[in-house]
Amino acid sequence: MHISLSKFIHLMVVATGIVVLGACSFFGYVTWKEEVQLNDGRVIVVEQQKRAGHGIAREAWLTINLPEFSAQPIVWHEHLSPLVVNIDGGKLYVVGYTPTVVEFKQYGNPRPFYVGFVWKGGVWSRISFDRIPARIYVTNMLIDGFPPRGTAFLTLEKKNGSDMNGRATAPPSLKRIDPKASFE
């Protein structure tokens, strides 16, 4: 079978375009459970679900079971990437960051780019950055947008390993909340 050079190039361009579009347009939901170590030493399991748009986590849900705060599962839902679920001073906190400029603007251009919440009276309330306790600055959630494909349960050991949160190239501002962090 003989194919002209121009037809071959055309087919290669089309095939490459299909692969690139497929890789760049990852849409959908990813759900997994992950072990999270709290400052008091307990390890809890948090269910995390993220909605992807163009391969970026654009929305997240956390389901947290802590009977001292609620007899029912506690659900946190925002257009952020969660970094911290922790307890300090008898209060439950979640801290996330804005994954893109779209979310940065949506949350009022927070400086630094972290957004904190406290569970109080059965609802999540947004708090200013200065009300996030420094004792919970160390990240205890998966810092990457998504776990490896097919992951249903993420252990502390795997999450803190050298190919995830423990990798040398992980941005310091995602491994630990940094009051000086910015997009600039």
Protein backbone atom coordinates (compact mmCIF):
# COMPACT_ATOMS: atom_id res chain seq x y z
CA MET A 1 0.00 0.00 0.00
CA HIS A 2 1.38 3.37 -0.99
CA ILE A 3 0.50 6.61 0.84
CA SER A 4 1.73 9.94 -0.38
CA LEU A 5 3.89 12.02 1.94
CA SER A 6 1.28 14.80 2.14
CA LYS A 7 -1.48 12.32 3.04
CA PHE A 8 0.78 10.73 5.68
CA ILE A 9 1.53 14.14 7.23
CA HIS A 10 -2.18 15.01 7.20
CA LEU A 11 -3.02 11.73 8.99
CA MET A 12 -0.29 12.34 11.58
CA VAL A 13 -1.56 15.88 12.28
CA VAL A 14 -5.13 14.58 12.73
CA ALA A 15 -3.98 11.69 14.98
CA THR A 16 -1.83 14.02 17.09
CA GLY A 17 -4.72 16.47 17.41
CA ILE A 18 -7.03 13.71 18.64
CA VAL A 19 -4.49 12.60 21.26
CA VAL A 20 -3.83 16.18 22.42
CA LEU A 21 -7.54 16.99 22.63
CA GLY A 22 -8.18 13.81 24.58
CA ALA A 23 -5.41 14.56 27.04
CA CYS A 24 -6.31 18.22 27.50
CA SER A 25 -10.04 17.85 27.79
CA PHE A 26 -10.29 15.54 30.80
CA PHE A 27 -13.72 16.26 32.22
CA GLY A 28 -15.60 14.36 34.86
CA TYR A 29 -15.51 13.35 38.48
CA VAL A 30 -12.87 11.47 40.43
CA THR A 31 -13.64 10.06 43.89
CA TRP A 32 -11.32 8.40 46.38
CA LYS A 33 -10.79 7.99 50.11
CA GLU A 34 -7.61 9.07 51.80
CA GLU A 35 -6.10 8.74 55.23
CA VAL A 36 -5.60 12.09 56.94
CA GLN A 37 -3.55 12.54 60.11
CA LEU A 38 -4.91 15.13 62.52
CA ASN A 39 -2.75 17.16 64.90
CA ASP A 40 -4.07 15.11 67.84
CA GLY A 41 -2.48 12.00 66.28
CA ARG A 42 -5.68 10.37 65.04
CA VAL A 43 -5.85 9.10 61.48
CA ILE A 44 -9.27 9.52 59.87
CA VAL A 45 -10.52 8.61 56.42
CA VAL A 46 -11.84 11.48 54.31
CA GLU A 47 -13.69 10.89 51.08
CA GLN A 48 -12.68 13.36 48.41
CA GLN A 49 -14.42 14.01 45.12
CA LYS A 50 -13.20 16.45 42.50
CA ARG A 51 -14.71 17.68 39.28
CA ALA A 52 -12.22 18.16 36.51
CA GLY A 53 -12.30 20.68 33.71
CA HIS A 54 -9.49 20.45 31.15
CA GLY A 55 -7.53 18.21 33.53
CA ILE A 56 -7.65 20.75 36.40
CA ALA A 57 -9.58 20.12 39.61
CA ARG A 58 -12.21 22.89 39.45
CA GLU A 59 -14.48 21.84 42.31
CA ALA A 60 -14.07 19.63 45.39
CA TRP A 61 -16.22 17.85 47.95
CA LEU A 62 -14.92 16.39 51.20
CA THR A 63 -16.94 14.02 53.35
CA ILE A 64 -15.64 13.96 56.91
CA ASN A 65 -16.84 11.71 59.73
CA LEU A 66 -16.03 13.18 63.13
CA PRO A 67 -18.70 12.28 65.70
CA GLU A 68 -17.56 15.00 68.11
CA PHE A 69 -18.75 17.59 65.54
CA SER A 70 -21.76 15.85 63.99
CA ALA A 71 -23.59 12.53 64.14
CA GLN A 72 -23.96 12.81 60.35
CA PRO A 73 -21.14 13.00 57.78
CA ILE A 74 -19.92 16.58 57.33
CA VAL A 75 -19.68 17.70 53.69
CA TRP A 76 -17.49 20.59 52.54
CA HIS A 77 -17.95 21.75 48.94
CA GLU A 78 -16.05 24.58 47.26
CA HIS A 79 -14.29 25.57 44.02
CA LEU A 80 -10.93 25.08 45.72
CA SER A 81 -8.31 22.36 46.10
CA PRO A 82 -8.28 21.29 49.77
CA LEU A 83 -4.91 21.12 51.51
CA VAL A 84 -5.81 20.83 55.19
CA VAL A 85 -8.51 19.14 57.25
CA ASN A 86 -7.63 19.53 60.90
CA ILE A 87 -8.80 20.32 64.41
CA ASP A 88 -7.40 23.07 66.59
CA GLY A 89 -8.82 24.44 69.83
CA GLY A 90 -11.89 22.23 69.53
CA LYS A 91 -12.74 23.61 66.06
CA LEU A 92 -12.76 21.80 62.72
CA TYR A 93 -11.01 23.59 59.84
CA VAL A 94 -10.61 23.09 56.11
CA VAL A 95 -8.11 25.16 54.14
CA GLY A 96 -7.98 25.11 50.37
CA TYR A 97 -6.23 27.05 47.65
CA THR A 98 -7.39 28.57 44.41
CA PRO A 99 -6.11 26.30 41.61
CA THR A 100 -6.38 28.93 38.84
CA VAL A 101 -6.89 32.64 38.34
CA VAL A 102 -10.61 31.98 37.71
CA GLU A 103 -11.07 30.69 41.28
CA PHE A 104 -8.66 33.32 42.63
CA LYS A 105 -11.01 36.02 41.30
CA GLN A 106 -14.13 34.08 42.36
CA TYR A 107 -12.89 34.12 45.99
CA GLY A 108 -12.07 37.83 45.94
CA ASN A 109 -8.33 37.70 45.09
CA PRO A 110 -7.25 36.32 48.49
CA ARG A 111 -3.71 37.14 49.60
CA PRO A 112 -2.21 34.67 50.16
CA PHE A 113 -4.19 32.39 47.84
CA TYR A 114 -5.49 30.12 50.62
CA VAL A 115 -9.11 30.17 51.76
CA GLY A 116 -10.05 28.92 55.22
CA PHE A 117 -13.31 27.57 56.65
CA VAL A 118 -14.43 26.62 60.14
CA TRP A 119 -17.30 24.25 61.01
CA LYS A 120 -19.56 26.06 63.44
CA GLY A 121 -23.19 25.51 64.32
CA GLY A 122 -23.62 22.83 61.67
CA VAL A 123 -22.36 24.95 58.74
CA TRP A 124 -19.07 25.89 57.14
CA SER A 125 -18.14 29.56 57.51
CA ARG A 126 -15.37 31.24 55.56
CA ILE A 127 -12.74 32.86 57.74
CA SER A 128 -10.02 35.39 57.05
CA PHE A 129 -6.49 34.11 56.57
CA ASP A 130 -5.33 35.50 59.92
CA ARG A 131 -7.90 33.28 61.70
CA ILE A 132 -6.33 30.08 60.32
CA PRO A 133 -4.29 28.68 63.23
CA ALA A 134 -0.58 28.37 62.43
CA ARG A 135 -0.66 24.96 64.17
CA ILE A 136 -2.57 23.54 61.18
CA TYR A 137 -0.36 25.02 58.43
CA VAL A 138 1.22 21.64 57.51
CA THR A 139 -0.69 20.06 54.63
CA ASN A 140 -2.34 16.73 55.41
CA MET A 141 -4.40 16.24 52.22
CA LEU A 142 -3.20 15.14 48.77
CA ILE A 143 -1.55 18.20 47.21
CA ASP A 144 -1.84 16.99 43.62
CA GLY A 145 -5.10 17.61 41.82
CA PHE A 146 -5.89 13.91 41.56
CA PRO A 147 -4.46 10.63 42.84
CA PRO A 148 -2.98 8.14 40.39
CA ARG A 149 -5.60 6.74 38.01
CA GLY A 150 -7.59 3.91 39.55
CA THR A 151 -6.83 4.85 43.16
CA ALA A 152 -9.78 4.12 45.44
CA PHE A 153 -7.96 4.37 48.79
CA LEU A 154 -4.87 6.46 49.48
CA THR A 155 -2.89 5.53 52.58
CA LEU A 156 -0.74 7.99 54.52
CA GLU A 157 2.35 6.07 53.49
CA LYS A 158 1.52 6.29 49.77
CA LYS A 159 0.38 9.94 49.97
CA ASN A 160 3.53 11.03 51.80
CA GLY A 161 5.79 9.01 49.48
CA SER A 162 8.43 10.42 47.16
CA ASP A 163 6.10 10.41 44.14
CA MET A 164 3.32 12.45 45.80
CA ASN A 165 3.35 14.91 48.73
CA GLY A 166 6.90 13.91 49.67
CA ARG A 167 8.44 14.56 46.27
CA ALA A 168 11.31 17.04 46.17
CA THR A 169 9.68 19.08 43.38
CA ALA A 170 6.40 19.66 45.26
CA PRO A 171 5.82 23.41 45.68
CA PRO A 172 6.61 24.43 49.28
CA SER A 173 3.48 26.63 49.35
CA LEU A 174 1.36 23.49 48.87
CA LYS A 175 3.25 21.37 51.42
CA ARG A 176 2.82 24.01 54.11
CA ILE A 177 0.60 27.07 54.18
CA ASP A 178 2.80 30.09 53.54
CA PRO A 179 1.52 33.53 54.60
CA LYS A 180 3.73 35.08 51.87
CA ALA A 181 2.55 32.83 49.00
CA SER A 182 1.18 34.50 45.85
CA PHE A 183 0.56 33.87 42.16
CA GLU A 184 3.14 36.48 41.16
